[in-house]
Amino acid sequence: MHPARLGGIAFILIGSLLILLGVWLTYSELSTQNDWVSSTGMVQKSEVREFIQERRDGGNTMEITMYRPKVNYSYEFEGKQFVGTCCSFSSNIRGQAEDYVNKHPEGTTLDIFVNSKKPELSRVGEEKGTPLMIFLALIAFGIIAILGGRHLLKTKDNEWVPADRPGAPPAETQPLQANE
């Protein structure tokens, strides 16, 4: 089979999987949105965590100090006590993590969302749900992959043959003209 055709089939399969994954994740997220109910948590501990992250740039490895706010909170749902933790972002700028921690000092209340079907799961108000743009991007990349695969499948066998392969057409040459 022609290499371009194999590539086309691979692109179409990968694109189809991306679209299916994007549609499934979007459906899952939208169908569970109503499971999350608004509630209030009480901040128990609020701190900035420091950690080292390695980044590779070519052959070089750099160690970067990163900062992540960590806010522990307690909440009650249907008469039972639960504990939650946030935050999912980190930064190499300590001030960003400190700003978040300063907004949520110990002893203050926090707007949260609790999963009514699994009350041990909670999210801080700003973190409700996964952005649908991520799932829509998967669908868009899937469409692009399928279109690329279709293009490769349309390649005719005689359109692409590496020059060093037996059976390749001779290179077109023009006789050199001497300048007089």
Protein backbone atom coordinates (compact mmCIF):
# COMPACT_ATOMS: atom_id res chain seq x y z
CA MET A 1 0.00 0.00 0.00
CA HIS A 2 1.19 3.50 -0.79
CA PRO A 3 2.76 5.31 2.23
CA ALA A 4 0.51 8.36 1.75
CA ARG A 5 -2.57 6.12 1.92
CA LEU A 6 -1.36 4.55 5.18
CA GLY A 7 -0.82 8.03 6.60
CA GLY A 8 -4.27 9.08 5.44
CA ILE A 9 -5.91 6.10 7.11
CA ALA A 10 -3.96 6.77 10.33
CA PHE A 11 -4.99 10.45 10.33
CA ILE A 12 -8.64 9.54 9.79
CA LEU A 13 -8.58 6.96 12.60
CA ILE A 14 -6.85 9.34 15.02
CA GLY A 15 -9.19 12.18 14.03
CA SER A 16 -12.22 9.97 14.56
CA LEU A 17 -10.96 8.96 18.01
CA LEU A 18 -10.36 12.61 18.95
CA ILE A 19 -13.88 13.56 17.87
CA LEU A 20 -15.42 10.63 19.77
CA LEU A 21 -13.40 11.48 22.89
CA GLY A 22 -14.34 15.17 22.64
CA VAL A 23 -18.04 14.42 22.18
CA TRP A 24 -18.05 11.87 25.03
CA LEU A 25 -16.23 14.23 27.44
CA THR A 26 -18.51 17.14 26.49
CA TYR A 27 -21.61 14.99 27.03
CA SER A 28 -20.26 13.68 30.35
CA GLU A 29 -19.48 17.17 31.61
CA LEU A 30 -22.82 18.63 30.53
CA SER A 31 -24.83 15.70 31.88
CA THR A 32 -23.22 16.00 35.34
CA GLN A 33 -23.43 19.80 35.59
CA ASN A 34 -26.75 19.55 37.46
CA ASP A 35 -25.20 17.20 40.03
CA TRP A 36 -23.17 20.08 41.49
CA VAL A 37 -24.95 22.20 44.10
CA SER A 38 -23.78 25.44 45.62
CA SER A 39 -22.60 25.40 49.24
CA THR A 40 -20.22 27.14 51.64
CA GLY A 41 -16.98 25.85 53.09
CA MET A 42 -14.87 27.07 56.00
CA VAL A 43 -11.15 27.57 55.34
CA GLN A 44 -9.16 25.45 57.82
CA LYS A 45 -5.64 26.05 56.47
CA SER A 46 -4.28 28.31 53.78
CA GLU A 47 -0.66 28.26 52.64
CA VAL A 48 1.70 28.58 49.69
CA ARG A 49 3.54 25.39 48.76
CA GLU A 50 6.93 25.62 47.09
CA PHE A 51 8.31 22.88 44.84
CA ILE A 52 11.00 22.40 42.21
CA GLN A 53 10.04 21.58 38.64
CA GLU A 54 12.57 20.43 36.06
CA ARG A 55 12.29 21.80 32.55
CA ARG A 56 14.29 20.51 29.64
CA ASP A 57 15.33 22.82 26.85
CA GLY A 58 17.18 20.81 24.25
CA GLY A 59 20.02 19.15 26.13
CA ASN A 60 19.85 21.49 29.12
CA THR A 61 17.86 20.84 32.28
CA MET A 62 16.73 23.79 34.38
CA GLU A 63 15.28 23.68 37.85
CA ILE A 64 12.53 26.24 38.41
CA THR A 65 10.98 27.07 41.75
CA MET A 66 7.21 26.89 41.49
CA TYR A 67 4.50 28.00 43.91
CA ARG A 68 1.04 26.54 44.44
CA PRO A 69 -1.63 27.82 46.81
CA LYS A 70 -3.13 25.11 49.01
CA VAL A 71 -6.41 25.82 50.75
CA ASN A 72 -7.95 23.14 52.97
CA TYR A 73 -11.61 23.66 53.82
CA SER A 74 -14.40 21.81 55.58
CA TYR A 75 -18.05 21.68 54.60
CA GLU A 76 -21.25 20.00 55.61
CA PHE A 77 -23.59 18.22 53.22
CA GLU A 78 -26.80 16.49 54.33
CA GLY A 79 -25.61 16.47 57.94
CA LYS A 80 -22.19 14.93 57.26
CA GLN A 81 -18.82 16.68 57.53
CA PHE A 82 -16.35 16.61 54.63
CA VAL A 83 -12.92 18.10 53.91
CA GLY A 84 -11.78 19.48 50.57
CA THR A 85 -8.59 20.91 49.11
CA CYS A 86 -7.96 23.27 46.27
CA CYS A 87 -6.08 24.68 44.08
CA SER A 88 -5.08 23.37 40.71
CA PHE A 89 -2.81 26.11 39.43
CA SER A 90 0.86 26.75 40.04
CA SER A 91 3.13 29.60 39.03
CA ASN A 92 6.79 30.52 39.08
CA ILE A 93 5.70 33.87 40.55
CA ARG A 94 5.23 33.54 44.31
CA GLY A 95 2.99 36.63 44.43
CA GLN A 96 0.25 34.97 42.36
CA ALA A 97 -0.02 32.07 44.80
CA GLU A 98 0.15 34.46 47.77
CA ASP A 99 -2.66 36.60 46.33
CA TYR A 100 -4.94 33.54 46.21
CA VAL A 101 -4.01 32.49 49.75
CA ASN A 102 -4.56 36.06 51.00
CA LYS A 103 -8.08 36.04 49.51
CA HIS A 104 -8.87 32.90 51.53
CA PRO A 105 -7.29 33.18 55.01
CA GLU A 106 -8.02 30.63 57.72
CA GLY A 107 -11.43 31.01 59.32
CA THR A 108 -13.14 32.63 56.32
CA THR A 109 -15.92 31.16 54.23
CA LEU A 110 -15.48 29.92 50.70
CA ASP A 111 -18.06 29.42 47.94
CA ILE A 112 -17.91 25.81 46.80
CA PHE A 113 -19.83 23.33 44.68
CA VAL A 114 -20.58 19.87 46.07
CA ASN A 115 -21.43 16.85 43.93
CA SER A 116 -24.83 15.79 45.26
CA LYS A 117 -24.31 12.19 44.10
CA LYS A 118 -20.77 11.98 45.54
CA PRO A 119 -20.63 14.56 48.34
CA GLU A 120 -16.99 13.77 49.09
CA LEU A 121 -16.24 15.61 45.82
CA SER A 122 -16.25 19.38 45.96
CA ARG A 123 -14.84 22.27 43.94
CA VAL A 124 -14.07 25.82 44.87
CA GLY A 125 -16.44 28.29 43.15
CA GLU A 126 -13.90 29.53 40.60
CA GLU A 127 -13.07 25.95 39.61
CA LYS A 128 -16.56 24.69 38.73
CA GLY A 129 -16.37 22.21 35.90
CA THR A 130 -13.83 21.61 33.20
CA PRO A 131 -13.75 24.32 30.54
CA LEU A 132 -15.71 23.06 27.55
CA MET A 133 -13.17 24.73 25.28
CA ILE A 134 -10.78 21.85 26.00
CA PHE A 135 -13.32 19.33 24.75
CA LEU A 136 -14.26 21.47 21.75
CA ALA A 137 -10.56 21.75 20.86
CA LEU A 138 -10.35 17.94 20.78
CA ILE A 139 -13.25 17.87 18.33
CA ALA A 140 -11.63 20.60 16.19
CA PHE A 141 -8.29 18.74 16.07
CA GLY A 142 -10.17 15.60 15.12
CA ILE A 143 -11.83 17.37 12.21
CA ILE A 144 -8.48 18.78 11.04
CA ALA A 145 -6.90 15.30 11.23
CA ILE A 146 -9.74 13.77 9.20
CA LEU A 147 -9.46 16.48 6.54
CA GLY A 148 -5.69 15.91 6.37
CA GLY A 149 -6.26 12.18 6.09
CA ARG A 150 -8.76 12.67 3.27
CA HIS A 151 -6.20 14.75 1.42
CA LEU A 152 -3.58 12.02 1.80
CA LEU A 153 -6.03 9.36 0.58
CA LYS A 154 -6.61 11.36 -2.59
CA THR A 155 -2.89 11.14 -3.42
CA LYS A 156 -2.44 9.07 -6.55
CA ASP A 157 0.21 6.37 -6.57
CA ASN A 158 2.24 8.18 -9.22
CA GLU A 159 2.26 11.56 -7.44
CA TRP A 160 4.74 10.75 -4.72
CA VAL A 161 7.74 8.49 -5.05
CA PRO A 162 11.02 9.21 -3.28
CA ALA A 163 13.75 9.95 -5.83
CA ASP A 164 16.07 7.24 -4.53
CA ARG A 165 13.49 4.48 -4.90
CA PRO A 166 13.59 2.04 -7.83
CA GLY A 167 10.97 2.93 -10.37
CA ALA A 168 11.16 6.65 -9.64
CA PRO A 169 10.76 8.76 -12.75
CA PRO A 170 14.01 10.29 -13.96
CA ALA A 171 14.63 13.81 -12.76
CA GLU A 172 13.90 16.39 -15.41
CA THR A 173 17.10 18.11 -16.41
CA GLN A 174 17.76 21.02 -18.68
CA PRO A 175 21.00 21.22 -20.66
CA LEU A 176 23.33 23.87 -19.30
CA GLN A 177 23.68 26.91 -21.52
CA ALA A 178 27.11 28.41 -21.69
CA ASN A 179 27.12 32.15 -21.30
CA GLU A 180 28.93 33.76 -24.18
